[in-house]
Amino acid sequence: MNPSKLPRPSNETSRLSAGQHTARGTAGDCDPLLGCRRVGSPRKVLLTLVSGFLATRGVSLIVSQPNINATVAQNVLLSIAHACKEAPVIQWQRTSTWGTAKIAEWQPGSYTNISSSHTDRVNVYDNGSLCLLSVEMRDSGYYLVTVTGESRIPIYGTILLNVSEILYEDLHFVAVFFAFLVAVAAVLVCLMWLCNKFAHLLQKERRPLKASTTEETELQMMGC
């Protein structure tokens, strides 16, 4: 049979088929045995897929204390916890007004690299935590931790550290200065008391001398 002689579907039949197909697409995927299932938005589907992928990879990161306040010369622990099937690569960086500086990078049981600016100033732990020793004012800023597991998808965490001066040192200085002033005042009072006593003694010694001089003068006048 010649294909050109086959009957062509009418326009109404084509529009009806397209409308039925569109209705099925918008309502969802239907199955005679399982029934109809509504399809979610692409964004929700993507988030579900990513969450499921990370869950199957066993990658997670918990920052126990995102804000830390410390004083000068104090040891500060930037505590985190991660869960990975294999030993991840952990990296810590500090971001401040002066820029971003790398602090340390290590993989538990494999290697540990600490920057020269923080040598002998930090301790690293297998769970990803970082301990800053004898912090200074310049250590204030945001600390960014990156944990990269087997999936090669990095997970980030941030901790804000505020370092302030020790207030009790100022109070101690004030207390010492006040005690010094009290001691000086006590010494001055003692000196004034001694000077007063000495003045009284001089006055007592001068009175007999004046009396004897007066008697001698009277005797001389009588003798004359």
C-alpha atoms as a PDB file:
ATOM      1  CA  MET A   1       0.000   0.000   0.000  1.00  0.00           C
ATOM      2  CA  ASN A   2       1.168   3.425  -0.840  1.00  0.00           C
ATOM      3  CA  PRO A   3       1.844   5.435   2.338  1.00  0.00           C
ATOM      4  CA  SER A   4       0.641   8.607   0.710  1.00  0.00           C
ATOM      5  CA  LYS A   5      -2.851   7.101   0.406  1.00  0.00           C
ATOM      6  CA  LEU A   6      -3.186   6.278   4.124  1.00  0.00           C
ATOM      7  CA  PRO A   7      -5.831   8.359   5.915  1.00  0.00           C
ATOM      8  CA  ARG A   8      -4.408  11.231   7.934  1.00  0.00           C
ATOM      9  CA  PRO A   9      -5.781  12.018  11.389  1.00  0.00           C
ATOM     10  CA  SER A  10      -7.992  15.026  11.546  1.00  0.00           C
ATOM     11  CA  ASN A  11      -7.028  18.238  13.382  1.00  0.00           C
ATOM     12  CA  GLU A  12      -9.629  17.611  16.075  1.00  0.00           C
ATOM     13  CA  THR A  13      -8.219  14.148  16.791  1.00  0.00           C
ATOM     14  CA  SER A  14      -4.670  15.597  17.058  1.00  0.00           C
ATOM     15  CA  ARG A  15      -5.766  18.365  19.431  1.00  0.00           C
ATOM     16  CA  LEU A  16      -7.656  15.887  21.579  1.00  0.00           C
ATOM     17  CA  SER A  17      -4.656  13.559  21.876  1.00  0.00           C
ATOM     18  CA  ALA A  18      -2.366  16.459  22.785  1.00  0.00           C
ATOM     19  CA  GLY A  19      -4.820  17.703  25.403  1.00  0.00           C
ATOM     20  CA  GLN A  20      -5.057  14.241  26.993  1.00  0.00           C
ATOM     21  CA  HIS A  21      -1.269  13.948  27.056  1.00  0.00           C
ATOM     22  CA  THR A  22      -0.932  17.386  28.675  1.00  0.00           C
ATOM     23  CA  ALA A  23      -3.542  16.558  31.284  1.00  0.00           C
ATOM     24  CA  ARG A  24      -1.693  13.373  32.214  1.00  0.00           C
ATOM     25  CA  GLY A  25       1.589  15.290  32.446  1.00  0.00           C
ATOM     26  CA  THR A  26       0.258  17.958  34.770  1.00  0.00           C
ATOM     27  CA  ALA A  27      -1.662  15.623  37.014  1.00  0.00           C
ATOM     28  CA  GLY A  28       1.325  13.380  37.627  1.00  0.00           C
ATOM     29  CA  ASP A  29       2.562   9.904  36.735  1.00  0.00           C
ATOM     30  CA  CYS A  30      -0.321   7.422  36.765  1.00  0.00           C
ATOM     31  CA  ASP A  31      -0.054   3.708  36.880  1.00  0.00           C
ATOM     32  CA  PRO A  32      -3.047   1.375  36.712  1.00  0.00           C
ATOM     33  CA  LEU A  33      -1.684  -0.722  39.586  1.00  0.00           C
ATOM     34  CA  LEU A  34       0.107   1.884  41.759  1.00  0.00           C
ATOM     35  CA  GLY A  35      -2.257   4.783  41.179  1.00  0.00           C
ATOM     36  CA  CYS A  36      -1.315   8.405  40.608  1.00  0.00           C
ATOM     37  CA  ARG A  37       1.792  10.029  42.150  1.00  0.00           C
ATOM     38  CA  ARG A  38       2.309  13.795  42.164  1.00  0.00           C
ATOM     39  CA  VAL A  39       5.705  14.973  40.990  1.00  0.00           C
ATOM     40  CA  GLY A  40       7.464  17.545  43.293  1.00  0.00           C
ATOM     41  CA  SER A  41       9.208  20.724  42.251  1.00  0.00           C
ATOM     42  CA  PRO A  42      12.696  20.397  40.706  1.00  0.00           C
ATOM     43  CA  ARG A  43      14.268  22.263  43.639  1.00  0.00           C
ATOM     44  CA  LYS A  44      12.834  19.867  46.213  1.00  0.00           C
ATOM     45  CA  VAL A  45      13.881  16.896  44.143  1.00  0.00           C
ATOM     46  CA  LEU A  46      17.436  18.260  43.861  1.00  0.00           C
ATOM     47  CA  LEU A  47      17.702  18.885  47.616  1.00  0.00           C
ATOM     48  CA  THR A  48      16.397  15.396  48.300  1.00  0.00           C
ATOM     49  CA  LEU A  49      18.943  13.874  45.943  1.00  0.00           C
ATOM     50  CA  VAL A  50      21.835  15.850  47.474  1.00  0.00           C
ATOM     51  CA  SER A  51      20.778  14.970  51.018  1.00  0.00           C
ATOM     52  CA  GLY A  52      20.466  11.333  50.091  1.00  0.00           C
ATOM     53  CA  PHE A  53      23.845  11.362  48.396  1.00  0.00           C
ATOM     54  CA  LEU A  54      25.555  12.918  51.438  1.00  0.00           C
ATOM     55  CA  ALA A  55      23.777  10.520  53.743  1.00  0.00           C
ATOM     56  CA  THR A  56      24.971   7.522  51.748  1.00  0.00           C
ATOM     57  CA  ARG A  57      28.497   8.945  51.842  1.00  0.00           C
ATOM     58  CA  GLY A  58      28.271   9.444  55.610  1.00  0.00           C
ATOM     59  CA  VAL A  59      29.505  13.066  55.572  1.00  0.00           C
ATOM     60  CA  SER A  60      28.395  15.400  58.358  1.00  0.00           C
ATOM     61  CA  LEU A  61      29.812  18.333  60.316  1.00  0.00           C
ATOM     62  CA  ILE A  62      28.693  19.779  63.648  1.00  0.00           C
ATOM     63  CA  VAL A  63      29.969  23.062  65.106  1.00  0.00           C
ATOM     64  CA  SER A  64      29.197  22.976  68.816  1.00  0.00           C
ATOM     65  CA  GLN A  65      29.909  26.667  69.583  1.00  0.00           C
ATOM     66  CA  PRO A  66      29.759  29.117  66.641  1.00  0.00           C
ATOM     67  CA  ASN A  67      30.560  32.183  68.828  1.00  0.00           C
ATOM     68  CA  ILE A  68      33.435  32.218  71.334  1.00  0.00           C
ATOM     69  CA  ASN A  69      34.535  35.051  73.639  1.00  0.00           C
ATOM     70  CA  ALA A  70      38.020  34.785  75.127  1.00  0.00           C
ATOM     71  CA  THR A  71      40.624  36.912  76.885  1.00  0.00           C
ATOM     72  CA  VAL A  72      44.288  37.467  76.115  1.00  0.00           C
ATOM     73  CA  ALA A  73      46.690  34.596  76.988  1.00  0.00           C
ATOM     74  CA  GLN A  74      43.820  32.100  77.185  1.00  0.00           C
ATOM     75  CA  ASN A  75      43.754  28.747  75.368  1.00  0.00           C
ATOM     76  CA  VAL A  76      40.728  28.491  73.060  1.00  0.00           C
ATOM     77  CA  LEU A  77      39.308  25.255  71.657  1.00  0.00           C
ATOM     78  CA  LEU A  78      37.494  25.531  68.321  1.00  0.00           C
ATOM     79  CA  SER A  79      35.438  22.389  68.754  1.00  0.00           C
ATOM     80  CA  ILE A  80      33.768  20.536  65.886  1.00  0.00           C
ATOM     81  CA  ALA A  81      32.708  16.964  65.157  1.00  0.00           C
ATOM     82  CA  HIS A  82      32.558  15.188  61.821  1.00  0.00           C
ATOM     83  CA  ALA A  83      31.389  11.795  60.628  1.00  0.00           C
ATOM     84  CA  CYS A  84      33.023  10.226  57.579  1.00  0.00           C
ATOM     85  CA  LYS A  85      33.521   6.643  56.506  1.00  0.00           C
ATOM     86  CA  GLU A  86      37.167   7.345  55.790  1.00  0.00           C
ATOM     87  CA  ALA A  87      39.639   9.828  57.285  1.00  0.00           C
ATOM     88  CA  PRO A  88      38.768  13.223  55.760  1.00  0.00           C
ATOM     89  CA  VAL A  89      41.027  16.132  54.892  1.00  0.00           C
ATOM     90  CA  ILE A  90      40.529  18.958  57.401  1.00  0.00           C
ATOM     91  CA  GLN A  91      41.576  22.540  56.794  1.00  0.00           C
ATOM     92  CA  TRP A  92      41.314  25.616  59.030  1.00  0.00           C
ATOM     93  CA  GLN A  93      41.560  29.222  57.831  1.00  0.00           C
ATOM     94  CA  ARG A  94      41.202  32.572  59.593  1.00  0.00           C
ATOM     95  CA  THR A  95      39.453  35.507  57.944  1.00  0.00           C
ATOM     96  CA  SER A  96      39.864  39.018  59.325  1.00  0.00           C
ATOM     97  CA  THR A  97      40.230  42.599  58.147  1.00  0.00           C
ATOM     98  CA  TRP A  98      43.815  41.797  57.114  1.00  0.00           C
ATOM     99  CA  GLY A  99      42.721  38.990  54.794  1.00  0.00           C
ATOM    100  CA  THR A 100      42.528  35.202  54.864  1.00  0.00           C
ATOM    101  CA  ALA A 101      45.341  33.094  56.296  1.00  0.00           C
ATOM    102  CA  LYS A 102      45.689  29.336  56.278  1.00  0.00           C
ATOM    103  CA  ILE A 103      46.321  27.867  59.724  1.00  0.00           C
ATOM    104  CA  ALA A 104      46.546  24.107  59.334  1.00  0.00           C
ATOM    105  CA  GLU A 105      45.605  21.190  57.110  1.00  0.00           C
ATOM    106  CA  TRP A 106      45.740  17.555  58.106  1.00  0.00           C
ATOM    107  CA  GLN A 107      44.332  14.111  57.507  1.00  0.00           C
ATOM    108  CA  PRO A 108      44.102  11.932  60.630  1.00  0.00           C
ATOM    109  CA  GLY A 109      46.647   9.147  60.482  1.00  0.00           C
ATOM    110  CA  SER A 110      48.278  10.497  57.323  1.00  0.00           C
ATOM    111  CA  TYR A 111      49.853  13.984  57.479  1.00  0.00           C
ATOM    112  CA  THR A 112      49.716  17.311  59.304  1.00  0.00           C
ATOM    113  CA  ASN A 113      50.718  20.675  57.836  1.00  0.00           C
ATOM    114  CA  ILE A 114      50.764  23.747  60.085  1.00  0.00           C
ATOM    115  CA  SER A 115      51.573  27.185  58.705  1.00  0.00           C
ATOM    116  CA  SER A 116      54.737  28.904  59.895  1.00  0.00           C
ATOM    117  CA  SER A 117      52.726  31.748  61.448  1.00  0.00           C
ATOM    118  CA  HIS A 118      51.017  29.298  63.834  1.00  0.00           C
ATOM    119  CA  THR A 119      53.853  26.908  64.612  1.00  0.00           C
ATOM    120  CA  ASP A 120      53.822  25.977  68.325  1.00  0.00           C
ATOM    121  CA  ARG A 121      50.616  27.991  68.691  1.00  0.00           C
ATOM    122  CA  VAL A 122      47.990  25.384  67.754  1.00  0.00           C
ATOM    123  CA  ASN A 123      47.062  21.793  68.533  1.00  0.00           C
ATOM    124  CA  VAL A 124      45.071  19.658  66.084  1.00  0.00           C
ATOM    125  CA  TYR A 125      42.810  16.706  66.846  1.00  0.00           C
ATOM    126  CA  ASP A 126      41.479  13.767  64.862  1.00  0.00           C
ATOM    127  CA  ASN A 127      37.868  14.928  65.206  1.00  0.00           C
ATOM    128  CA  GLY A 128      38.757  18.147  63.379  1.00  0.00           C
ATOM    129  CA  SER A 129      38.944  20.451  66.393  1.00  0.00           C
ATOM    130  CA  LEU A 130      41.646  23.103  66.637  1.00  0.00           C
ATOM    131  CA  CYS A 131      43.113  24.531  69.857  1.00  0.00           C
ATOM    132  CA  LEU A 132      44.667  28.011  69.837  1.00  0.00           C
ATOM    133  CA  LEU A 133      47.328  28.518  72.518  1.00  0.00           C
ATOM    134  CA  SER A 134      47.760  31.844  74.334  1.00  0.00           C
ATOM    135  CA  VAL A 135      45.498  33.862  72.050  1.00  0.00           C
ATOM    136  CA  GLU A 136      46.161  37.504  71.348  1.00  0.00           C
ATOM    137  CA  MET A 137      44.035  40.420  70.215  1.00  0.00           C
ATOM    138  CA  ARG A 138      45.069  39.841  66.598  1.00  0.00           C
ATOM    139  CA  ASP A 139      43.598  36.314  66.738  1.00  0.00           C
ATOM    140  CA  SER A 140      40.073  37.729  66.608  1.00  0.00           C
ATOM    141  CA  GLY A 141      38.090  36.940  63.472  1.00  0.00           C
ATOM    142  CA  TYR A 142      36.170  34.252  61.620  1.00  0.00           C
ATOM    143  CA  TYR A 143      37.610  30.740  61.532  1.00  0.00           C
ATOM    144  CA  LEU A 144      36.534  28.624  58.556  1.00  0.00           C
ATOM    145  CA  VAL A 145      36.852  24.841  58.719  1.00  0.00           C
ATOM    146  CA  THR A 146      36.587  22.687  55.605  1.00  0.00           C
ATOM    147  CA  VAL A 147      36.029  18.926  55.834  1.00  0.00           C
ATOM    148  CA  THR A 148      36.462  16.974  52.588  1.00  0.00           C
ATOM    149  CA  GLY A 149      35.494  13.321  52.673  1.00  0.00           C
ATOM    150  CA  GLU A 150      35.486  10.456  50.213  1.00  0.00           C
ATOM    151  CA  SER A 151      32.859  12.153  48.059  1.00  0.00           C
ATOM    152  CA  ARG A 152      35.234  15.088  47.434  1.00  0.00           C
ATOM    153  CA  ILE A 153      32.383  17.435  48.337  1.00  0.00           C
ATOM    154  CA  PRO A 154      33.659  19.917  50.965  1.00  0.00           C
ATOM    155  CA  ILE A 155      31.538  20.791  53.982  1.00  0.00           C
ATOM    156  CA  TYR A 156      32.090  24.153  55.660  1.00  0.00           C
ATOM    157  CA  GLY A 157      31.714  25.445  59.189  1.00  0.00           C
ATOM    158  CA  THR A 158      32.388  28.877  60.695  1.00  0.00           C
ATOM    159  CA  ILE A 159      33.316  30.008  64.219  1.00  0.00           C
ATOM    160  CA  LEU A 160      33.562  33.651  65.310  1.00  0.00           C
ATOM    161  CA  LEU A 161      36.264  34.360  67.921  1.00  0.00           C
ATOM    162  CA  ASN A 162      36.372  37.598  69.921  1.00  0.00           C
ATOM    163  CA  VAL A 163      39.515  38.196  72.003  1.00  0.00           C
ATOM    164  CA  SER A 164      39.502  41.008  74.568  1.00  0.00           C
ATOM    165  CA  GLU A 165      41.984  42.343  77.094  1.00  0.00           C
ATOM    166  CA  ILE A 166      41.997  41.100  80.673  1.00  0.00           C
ATOM    167  CA  LEU A 167      39.947  43.524  82.753  1.00  0.00           C
ATOM    168  CA  TYR A 168      41.143  42.378  86.152  1.00  0.00           C
ATOM    169  CA  GLU A 169      44.683  43.570  85.366  1.00  0.00           C
ATOM    170  CA  ASP A 170      43.387  47.144  85.143  1.00  0.00           C
ATOM    171  CA  LEU A 171      41.498  46.679  88.404  1.00  0.00           C
ATOM    172  CA  HIS A 172      44.623  45.246  89.989  1.00  0.00           C
ATOM    173  CA  PHE A 173      46.625  48.286  88.886  1.00  0.00           C
ATOM    174  CA  VAL A 174      43.990  50.619  90.346  1.00  0.00           C
ATOM    175  CA  ALA A 175      43.977  48.676  93.624  1.00  0.00           C
ATOM    176  CA  VAL A 176      47.779  48.792  93.877  1.00  0.00           C
ATOM    177  CA  PHE A 177      47.854  52.514  93.102  1.00  0.00           C
ATOM    178  CA  PHE A 178      45.167  53.181  95.722  1.00  0.00           C
ATOM    179  CA  ALA A 179      47.104  51.154  98.308  1.00  0.00           C
ATOM    180  CA  PHE A 180      50.224  53.152  97.467  1.00  0.00           C
ATOM    181  CA  LEU A 181      48.364  56.414  98.024  1.00  0.00           C
ATOM    182  CA  VAL A 182      47.031  55.147 101.353  1.00  0.00           C
ATOM    183  CA  ALA A 183      50.548  54.177 102.435  1.00  0.00           C
ATOM    184  CA  VAL A 184      51.930  57.576 101.442  1.00  0.00           C
ATOM    185  CA  ALA A 185      49.131  59.305 103.346  1.00  0.00           C
ATOM    186  CA  ALA A 186      49.849  57.194 106.429  1.00  0.00           C
ATOM    187  CA  VAL A 187      53.552  58.088 106.280  1.00  0.00           C
ATOM    188  CA  LEU A 188      52.712  61.784 105.959  1.00  0.00           C
ATOM    189  CA  VAL A 189      50.364  61.583 108.959  1.00  0.00           C
ATOM    190  CA  CYS A 190      53.096  59.928 111.018  1.00  0.00           C
ATOM    191  CA  LEU A 191      55.608  62.600 109.994  1.00  0.00           C
ATOM    192  CA  MET A 192      53.172  65.341 110.915  1.00  0.00           C
ATOM    193  CA  TRP A 193      52.567  63.712 114.313  1.00  0.00           C
ATOM    194  CA  LEU A 194      56.313  63.479 114.974  1.00  0.00           C
ATOM    195  CA  CYS A 195      56.832  67.094 113.946  1.00  0.00           C
ATOM    196  CA  ASN A 196      54.049  68.160 116.297  1.00  0.00           C
ATOM    197  CA  LYS A 197      55.599  66.223 119.178  1.00  0.00           C
ATOM    198  CA  PHE A 198      58.999  67.707 118.479  1.00  0.00           C
ATOM    199  CA  ALA A 199      57.504  71.214 118.433  1.00  0.00           C
ATOM    200  CA  HIS A 200      55.841  70.624 121.824  1.00  0.00           C
ATOM    201  CA  LEU A 201      59.137  69.413 123.284  1.00  0.00           C
ATOM    202  CA  LEU A 202      60.907  72.517 122.034  1.00  0.00           C
ATOM    203  CA  GLN A 203      58.246  74.723 123.566  1.00  0.00           C
ATOM    204  CA  LYS A 204      58.619  72.964 126.941  1.00  0.00           C
ATOM    205  CA  GLU A 205      62.374  73.422 126.864  1.00  0.00           C
ATOM    206  CA  ARG A 206      62.100  77.095 126.016  1.00  0.00           C
ATOM    207  CA  ARG A 207      59.741  77.938 128.901  1.00  0.00           C
ATOM    208  CA  PRO A 208      62.268  77.124 131.722  1.00  0.00           C
ATOM    209  CA  LEU A 209      64.944  79.081 129.889  1.00  0.00           C
ATOM    210  CA  LYS A 210      62.686  82.127 129.690  1.00  0.00           C
ATOM    211  CA  ALA A 211      61.815  81.816 133.402  1.00  0.00           C
ATOM    212  CA  SER A 212      65.466  81.608 134.454  1.00  0.00           C
ATOM    213  CA  THR A 213      66.357  84.594 132.300  1.00  0.00           C
ATOM    214  CA  THR A 214      63.567  86.635 133.875  1.00  0.00           C
ATOM    215  CA  GLU A 215      64.704  85.757 137.411  1.00  0.00           C
ATOM    216  CA  GLU A 216      68.299  86.739 136.652  1.00  0.00           C
ATOM    217  CA  THR A 217      67.156  90.060 135.293  1.00  0.00           C
ATOM    218  CA  GLU A 218      65.069  90.759 138.381  1.00  0.00           C
ATOM    219  CA  LEU A 219      67.967  89.880 140.701  1.00  0.00           C
ATOM    220  CA  GLN A 220      70.292  92.167 138.835  1.00  0.00           C
ATOM    221  CA  MET A 221      67.819  95.008 139.112  1.00  0.00           C
ATOM    222  CA  MET A 222      67.435  94.401 142.869  1.00  0.00           C
ATOM    223  CA  GLY A 223      71.186  94.284 143.356  1.00  0.00           C
ATOM    224  CA  CYS A 224      71.605  97.565 141.716  1.00  0.00           C
END
